[in-house]
Amino acid sequence: MFGLQATLSVIIPFTVVAALTPLIRKYALRWRLGDKPNGRKIHTSTIPHVGGVGMVIGLFLAIGVTTLLSNDALSLQLSTLFTRFAIPVVIIVALGLTDDMKNLRARQKLTVQIIAALLLALSGLHMLVGFAPFDRNLVVVICVSTFYLVGMSSSVNLIDGLDGLASGLSAISSIAFVVLAALFGAPHLLMVALAVAGACAGFLLYNYPPSRIFMGDTGSMFLGIMLGVLACSFTMLQPTINTFLGVSLILAIPMLDAWLAIARRLVLRRPVFQADCQHIHHIISSFGFSPRQNLGILYSMQAVMALLGVLAVRGQVVPLILGLALMTLLFATFIRVMVASEARLDLSTQFVRSSVPSLEK
């Protein structure tokens, strides 16, 4: 029944992104909008970094066309969802584009992210955790929803440090959401999830190692907020603890990387907003894996978590317990390696400094 709309939901963003990205790359190079190599970046040359613009255009166009071609019921569902997230997502995109051009401070970005997420929550897009005392309290719901949406926007943004990583992980998560939407009988969410997957696939044509263009903060925060919108929407359809934890498992790897970033900086007594080179992909690379091998490992981890998440949302307890146990194990393992690695780096730096003769008289 929804075959044409579903097909267009994938084809339109894929085609638009595939067609626009080379053009965006051309003008980004001309206007010197590039990501320069530094100690935290894996690439060794300047790469254009506003590729996310094409993803935004492709996804919005797909939703618009699908809405126009759908029957009254589906059209109303899509337009209602679009009305809720359109302005906040535009704010996020504007923030990302500004940051790609001017390098905003972390606190400035966080402030705007909170505003956009709060607008989403106030529009009626809520993250329900499946615990009645929380879900019945509007103030608590708005706070939880805002926190979750900001977290997702930041998580995808933080993990976007390796060619093809953010787009690939987002594609896997969106495919899992497509499966959930089909199981839930929610065609409007299926269309949006397909559009996200199509946009990611189109961008991966140019972003898979060796990358020719990066999505930048424009793309990573956009993907993060869209995945957050989908996650919230599913908890509103089925407000249970299994749904909340299940959709979180579907988004596991970006969320894990964000929690690890906060935890290690607190453990090491460093500012939470201080950038470093201890993200998950940095750690995997330090063991000698190539960028493509690194992606294979992280894609596999995300796919396993997404599968467990889908099963958990369907009410299966064993996948939920297994998923939470794996997340706990990964967190404990990575935080130990990260802190140890940072400690070795500090000792090495101190040794070098102590070995260099003072130039002071």
Protein backbone atom coordinates (compact mmCIF):
# COMPACT_ATOMS: atom_id res chain seq x y z
CA MET A 1 0.00 0.00 0.00
CA PHE A 2 2.81 2.37 0.86
CA GLY A 3 5.30 0.87 -1.62
CA LEU A 4 5.65 3.97 -3.80
CA GLN A 5 6.06 6.34 -0.86
CA ALA A 6 8.57 4.05 0.84
CA THR A 7 10.60 3.73 -2.35
CA LEU A 8 10.65 7.47 -2.90
CA SER A 9 11.59 8.02 0.76
CA VAL A 10 14.87 6.21 0.07
CA ILE A 11 15.54 7.13 -3.56
CA ILE A 12 14.97 10.89 -3.26
CA PRO A 13 17.47 11.61 -0.45
CA PHE A 14 19.99 9.13 -1.87
CA THR A 15 19.82 10.71 -5.33
CA VAL A 16 19.79 14.30 -4.06
CA VAL A 17 22.75 13.74 -1.75
CA ALA A 18 24.69 11.81 -4.40
CA ALA A 19 24.07 14.60 -6.93
CA LEU A 20 24.62 17.61 -4.65
CA THR A 21 27.66 16.44 -2.69
CA PRO A 22 30.22 16.87 -5.52
CA LEU A 23 28.84 20.37 -6.16
CA ILE A 24 28.98 21.21 -2.46
CA ARG A 25 32.56 19.90 -2.34
CA LYS A 26 33.54 22.07 -5.30
CA TYR A 27 32.27 25.29 -3.73
CA ALA A 28 33.53 24.37 -0.26
CA LEU A 29 37.04 24.08 -1.70
CA ARG A 30 36.62 27.36 -3.55
CA TRP A 31 35.44 29.11 -0.37
CA ARG A 32 38.06 27.32 1.76
CA LEU A 33 35.49 25.64 3.99
CA GLY A 34 37.72 22.75 4.95
CA ASP A 35 38.65 20.62 7.94
CA LYS A 36 42.37 21.03 8.52
CA PRO A 37 44.45 18.19 9.99
CA ASN A 38 45.53 18.42 13.62
CA GLY A 39 46.56 16.16 16.46
CA ARG A 40 43.04 14.79 16.96
CA LYS A 41 42.14 14.25 13.30
CA ILE A 42 42.98 11.09 11.38
CA HIS A 43 43.12 12.75 7.94
CA THR A 44 46.37 14.40 6.79
CA SER A 45 45.07 17.00 4.33
CA THR A 46 42.36 19.64 4.24
CA ILE A 47 38.94 18.11 3.46
CA PRO A 48 35.74 20.09 2.73
CA HIS A 49 33.39 19.77 5.70
CA VAL A 50 29.92 21.08 4.85
CA GLY A 51 28.61 17.91 3.22
CA GLY A 52 25.72 17.76 5.67
CA VAL A 53 23.92 20.48 3.69
CA GLY A 54 23.05 18.00 0.95
CA MET A 55 21.72 15.52 3.51
CA VAL A 56 19.38 18.13 4.97
CA ILE A 57 18.04 19.12 1.55
CA GLY A 58 17.58 15.50 0.49
CA LEU A 59 15.72 14.47 3.63
CA PHE A 60 13.43 17.50 3.72
CA LEU A 61 12.61 17.07 0.03
CA ALA A 62 11.84 13.38 0.53
CA ILE A 63 9.45 14.08 3.38
CA GLY A 64 7.75 16.83 1.39
CA VAL A 65 7.21 14.68 -1.71
CA THR A 66 6.08 11.68 0.35
CA THR A 67 3.57 13.83 2.23
CA LEU A 68 2.09 15.16 -1.02
CA LEU A 69 1.73 11.67 -2.53
CA SER A 70 0.29 9.97 0.55
CA ASN A 71 -3.33 9.37 1.48
CA ASP A 72 -5.04 11.70 3.93
CA ALA A 73 -4.19 9.69 7.07
CA LEU A 74 -0.49 9.23 6.29
CA SER A 75 -0.18 12.77 4.97
CA LEU A 76 -1.60 14.11 8.24
CA GLN A 77 0.79 11.98 10.31
CA LEU A 78 3.81 13.10 8.28
CA SER A 79 2.84 16.76 8.28
CA THR A 80 2.17 16.69 12.04
CA LEU A 81 5.57 15.14 12.74
CA PHE A 82 7.28 17.51 10.30
CA THR A 83 5.60 20.52 11.90
CA ARG A 84 6.96 19.43 15.28
CA PHE A 85 10.58 19.05 14.25
CA ALA A 86 11.00 21.47 11.30
CA ILE A 87 11.93 24.67 13.16
CA PRO A 88 14.11 23.03 15.86
CA VAL A 89 15.95 21.00 13.21
CA VAL A 90 16.52 24.13 11.12
CA ILE A 91 17.98 25.76 14.23
CA ILE A 92 20.32 22.77 14.68
CA VAL A 93 21.35 22.91 11.02
CA ALA A 94 22.02 26.65 11.25
CA LEU A 95 24.10 26.03 14.37
CA GLY A 96 26.10 23.32 12.64
CA LEU A 97 26.69 25.41 9.55
CA THR A 98 27.82 28.37 11.66
CA ASP A 99 30.18 26.14 13.61
CA ASP A 100 31.60 24.66 10.40
CA MET A 101 32.43 28.17 9.25
CA LYS A 102 33.44 29.90 12.48
CA ASN A 103 34.30 27.20 15.07
CA LEU A 104 31.96 28.09 17.91
CA ARG A 105 32.79 27.31 21.53
CA ALA A 106 31.36 24.13 23.01
CA ARG A 107 29.20 26.05 25.49
CA GLN A 108 27.74 28.19 22.70
CA LYS A 109 26.81 25.07 20.75
CA LEU A 110 25.33 23.41 23.81
CA THR A 111 23.15 26.44 24.57
CA VAL A 112 21.60 26.43 21.10
CA GLN A 113 21.20 22.64 21.19
CA ILE A 114 19.27 22.94 24.45
CA ILE A 115 17.00 25.61 22.94
CA ALA A 116 16.26 23.45 19.88
CA ALA A 117 15.66 20.34 21.98
CA LEU A 118 13.41 22.25 24.37
CA LEU A 119 11.34 23.51 21.43
CA LEU A 120 10.96 19.92 20.25
CA ALA A 121 9.83 18.80 23.69
CA LEU A 122 7.39 21.71 24.02
CA SER A 123 5.96 20.88 20.59
CA GLY A 124 4.83 17.52 21.95
CA LEU A 125 7.73 15.28 20.97
CA HIS A 126 8.47 13.40 24.18
CA MET A 127 10.85 10.71 25.36
CA LEU A 128 8.78 8.43 27.60
CA VAL A 129 10.78 6.08 29.82
CA GLY A 130 7.97 3.67 30.70
CA PHE A 131 7.86 4.66 34.37
CA ALA A 132 4.42 6.11 35.13
CA PRO A 133 5.42 8.63 37.86
CA PHE A 134 7.87 10.20 35.39
CA ASP A 135 5.77 9.92 32.23
CA ARG A 136 2.72 11.54 33.88
CA ASN A 137 4.70 14.56 35.05
CA LEU A 138 4.94 17.00 32.15
CA VAL A 139 7.86 18.93 33.63
CA VAL A 140 9.87 15.72 34.10
CA VAL A 141 8.97 14.54 30.60
CA ILE A 142 10.11 17.81 29.03
CA CYS A 143 13.38 17.72 30.98
CA VAL A 144 14.06 14.07 30.05
CA SER A 145 13.15 14.71 26.40
CA THR A 146 15.38 17.78 26.19
CA PHE A 147 18.29 15.93 27.79
CA TYR A 148 17.88 12.94 25.47
CA LEU A 149 17.64 15.04 22.30
CA VAL A 150 20.65 17.16 23.23
CA GLY A 151 22.51 13.96 24.05
CA MET A 152 21.77 12.41 20.67
CA SER A 153 22.70 15.55 18.77
CA SER A 154 25.98 15.73 20.67
CA SER A 155 26.68 11.99 20.49
CA VAL A 156 26.69 11.76 16.70
CA ASN A 157 28.64 15.01 16.58
CA LEU A 158 31.31 13.66 18.95
CA ILE A 159 31.77 10.35 17.18
CA ASP A 160 32.17 11.99 13.76
CA GLY A 161 35.95 11.73 13.77
CA LEU A 162 36.60 8.96 11.25
CA ASP A 163 35.68 8.76 7.58
CA GLY A 164 32.30 7.08 7.17
CA LEU A 165 31.71 6.55 10.88
CA ALA A 166 28.83 8.90 11.76
CA SER A 167 27.02 8.31 8.47
CA GLY A 168 27.45 4.52 8.68
CA LEU A 169 26.34 4.23 12.29
CA SER A 170 23.36 6.52 11.61
CA ALA A 171 22.40 4.40 8.61
CA ILE A 172 22.43 1.23 10.73
CA SER A 173 20.32 2.86 13.43
CA SER A 174 17.84 4.23 10.91
CA ILE A 175 17.48 0.80 9.28
CA ALA A 176 16.66 -0.65 12.71
CA PHE A 177 14.05 2.09 13.10
CA VAL A 178 12.62 1.12 9.70
CA VAL A 179 12.15 -2.43 11.01
CA LEU A 180 10.52 -1.12 14.19
CA ALA A 181 8.19 1.16 12.22
CA ALA A 182 7.08 -1.79 10.09
CA LEU A 183 6.46 -3.90 13.20
CA PHE A 184 4.57 -1.05 14.89
CA GLY A 185 2.48 -0.29 11.82
CA ALA A 186 3.74 3.32 11.82
CA PRO A 187 4.19 4.29 8.14
CA HIS A 188 5.04 7.93 8.92
CA LEU A 189 8.02 6.88 11.04
CA LEU A 190 8.98 4.31 8.43
CA MET A 191 9.15 7.06 5.77
CA VAL A 192 11.30 9.32 7.93
CA ALA A 193 13.64 6.48 8.93
CA LEU A 194 14.00 5.44 5.28
CA ALA A 195 14.81 9.04 4.35
CA VAL A 196 17.56 9.20 6.98
CA ALA A 197 18.98 5.89 5.72
CA GLY A 198 18.86 7.08 2.10
CA ALA A 199 20.63 10.34 2.93
CA CYS A 200 23.36 8.47 4.83
CA ALA A 201 23.83 5.99 2.00
CA GLY A 202 24.14 8.77 -0.58
CA PHE A 203 26.72 10.57 1.53
CA LEU A 204 28.74 7.39 2.16
CA LEU A 205 29.53 7.31 -1.57
CA TYR A 206 31.91 10.21 -0.89
CA ASN A 207 32.60 9.77 2.83
CA TYR A 208 33.78 6.16 2.97
CA PRO A 209 37.57 5.98 3.46
CA PRO A 210 39.39 7.69 1.92
CA SER A 211 36.86 10.48 2.32
CA ARG A 212 36.50 13.29 -0.20
CA ILE A 213 34.19 15.37 1.99
CA PHE A 214 33.00 15.46 5.60
CA MET A 215 29.46 16.10 6.79
CA GLY A 216 30.72 18.59 9.39
CA ASP A 217 28.71 19.65 12.42
CA THR A 218 25.89 20.53 10.00
CA GLY A 219 25.44 16.88 9.14
CA SER A 220 26.38 15.19 12.40
CA MET A 221 24.10 17.27 14.63
CA PHE A 222 21.33 17.00 12.03
CA LEU A 223 21.57 13.20 11.97
CA GLY A 224 21.73 13.10 15.77
CA ILE A 225 18.61 15.18 16.25
CA MET A 226 16.70 13.20 13.58
CA LEU A 227 17.60 9.90 15.25
CA GLY A 228 16.49 11.44 18.54
CA VAL A 229 13.16 12.44 16.98
CA LEU A 230 12.61 8.87 15.80
CA ALA A 231 13.57 7.42 19.18
CA CYS A 232 11.15 9.71 21.00
CA SER A 233 8.36 8.93 18.53
CA PHE A 234 8.62 5.19 19.18
CA THR A 235 8.41 5.64 22.96
CA MET A 236 5.26 7.71 22.43
CA LEU A 237 3.72 4.87 20.42
CA GLN A 238 4.60 2.27 23.07
CA PRO A 239 5.59 3.90 26.39
CA THR A 240 7.29 0.99 28.14
CA ILE A 241 10.70 0.54 29.75
CA ASN A 242 11.53 -2.00 27.03
CA THR A 243 10.88 0.57 24.32
CA PHE A 244 13.00 3.21 26.05
CA LEU A 245 15.93 0.88 26.61
CA GLY A 246 15.48 -0.78 23.22
CA VAL A 247 15.67 2.45 21.19
CA SER A 248 18.66 3.44 23.29
CA LEU A 249 20.40 0.19 22.34
CA ILE A 250 19.67 0.98 18.69
CA LEU A 251 21.64 4.21 19.23
CA ALA A 252 24.20 2.49 21.46
CA ILE A 253 27.62 3.23 19.97
CA PRO A 254 27.30 7.03 19.59
CA MET A 255 25.74 7.21 23.07
CA LEU A 256 28.51 5.02 24.51
CA ASP A 257 31.19 7.26 23.03
CA ALA A 258 29.55 10.35 24.53
CA TRP A 259 29.26 8.80 28.01
CA LEU A 260 32.88 7.67 27.79
CA ALA A 261 33.99 11.19 26.86
CA ILE A 262 32.28 12.63 29.93
CA ALA A 263 33.46 9.85 32.25
CA ARG A 264 37.14 9.88 31.28
CA ARG A 265 37.36 13.67 31.54
CA LEU A 266 35.81 13.56 35.00
CA VAL A 267 38.13 10.71 36.06
CA LEU A 268 41.15 12.59 34.69
CA ARG A 269 39.89 15.83 36.28
CA ARG A 270 39.77 17.68 33.00
CA PRO A 271 37.13 20.08 31.65
CA VAL A 272 34.17 18.17 30.22
CA PHE A 273 34.22 20.34 27.10
CA GLN A 274 37.94 19.86 26.47
CA ALA A 275 38.54 18.02 23.20
CA ASP A 276 40.86 15.01 23.18
CA CYS A 277 41.97 12.09 21.02
CA GLN A 278 40.57 9.29 23.17
CA HIS A 279 37.30 8.54 21.41
CA ILE A 280 36.40 4.93 20.63
CA HIS A 281 37.73 5.11 17.06
CA HIS A 282 41.01 6.59 18.32
CA ILE A 283 41.46 3.68 20.73
CA ILE A 284 40.73 1.09 18.03
CA SER A 285 43.15 2.82 15.66
CA SER A 286 45.87 2.74 18.35
CA PHE A 287 45.82 -1.07 18.13
CA GLY A 288 46.95 -0.89 14.52
CA PHE A 289 43.62 -1.24 12.71
CA SER A 290 43.19 0.60 9.42
CA PRO A 291 40.33 3.10 8.96
CA ARG A 292 38.26 0.54 7.06
CA GLN A 293 38.92 -2.17 9.65
CA ASN A 294 38.00 0.35 12.34
CA LEU A 295 34.70 1.01 10.57
CA GLY A 296 34.05 -2.71 10.23
CA ILE A 297 34.48 -3.22 13.97
CA LEU A 298 32.25 -0.30 14.93
CA TYR A 299 29.62 -1.07 12.27
CA SER A 300 29.46 -4.64 13.59
CA MET A 301 29.10 -3.46 17.18
CA GLN A 302 26.32 -1.08 16.18
CA ALA A 303 24.52 -3.74 14.12
CA VAL A 304 24.56 -6.20 17.04
CA MET A 305 23.25 -3.56 19.43
CA ALA A 306 20.57 -2.47 16.95
CA LEU A 307 19.37 -6.06 16.56
CA LEU A 308 19.21 -6.53 20.32
CA GLY A 309 17.39 -3.20 20.59
CA VAL A 310 14.72 -4.20 18.08
CA LEU A 311 14.16 -7.49 19.91
CA ALA A 312 14.03 -5.68 23.26
CA VAL A 313 11.36 -3.27 22.02
CA ARG A 314 9.34 -6.29 20.96
CA GLY A 315 9.25 -7.32 24.61
CA GLN A 316 12.00 -9.96 24.67
CA VAL A 317 13.86 -9.86 27.98
CA VAL A 318 16.99 -11.86 27.13
CA PRO A 319 18.12 -9.52 24.28
CA LEU A 320 17.51 -6.53 26.57
CA ILE A 321 19.63 -8.00 29.38
CA LEU A 322 22.33 -9.06 26.90
CA GLY A 323 22.40 -5.61 25.32
CA LEU A 324 22.70 -3.81 28.65
CA ALA A 325 25.41 -6.27 29.75
CA LEU A 326 27.39 -5.69 26.56
CA MET A 327 27.09 -1.93 26.97
CA THR A 328 28.35 -2.19 30.54
CA LEU A 329 31.25 -4.40 29.46
CA LEU A 330 32.19 -2.07 26.61
CA PHE A 331 32.03 0.96 28.87
CA ALA A 332 34.22 -0.65 31.54
CA THR A 333 36.74 -1.90 28.98
CA PHE A 334 37.05 1.31 27.02
CA ILE A 335 37.20 3.62 30.05
CA ARG A 336 40.03 1.53 31.50
CA VAL A 337 41.99 1.62 28.24
CA MET A 338 41.32 5.34 27.74
CA VAL A 339 42.45 6.35 31.22
CA ALA A 340 45.54 4.11 31.01
CA SER A 341 46.39 5.48 27.58
CA GLU A 342 46.04 9.05 28.77
CA ALA A 343 48.20 8.30 31.80
CA ARG A 344 50.96 6.90 29.57
CA LEU A 345 50.71 9.98 27.37
CA ASP A 346 51.07 12.26 30.41
CA LEU A 347 54.14 10.35 31.63
CA SER A 348 55.67 10.49 28.17
CA THR A 349 55.07 14.24 27.97
CA GLN A 350 56.59 14.79 31.41
CA PHE A 351 59.65 12.71 30.45
CA VAL A 352 60.18 14.72 27.26
CA ARG A 353 59.87 17.99 29.14
CA SER A 354 62.29 16.87 31.85
CA SER A 355 64.78 15.72 29.20
CA VAL A 356 64.84 19.02 27.33
CA PRO A 357 67.48 21.42 28.75
CA SER A 358 66.05 24.67 30.06
CA LEU A 359 66.73 27.72 27.91
CA GLU A 360 66.25 30.08 30.83
CA LYS A 361 69.34 31.80 32.17
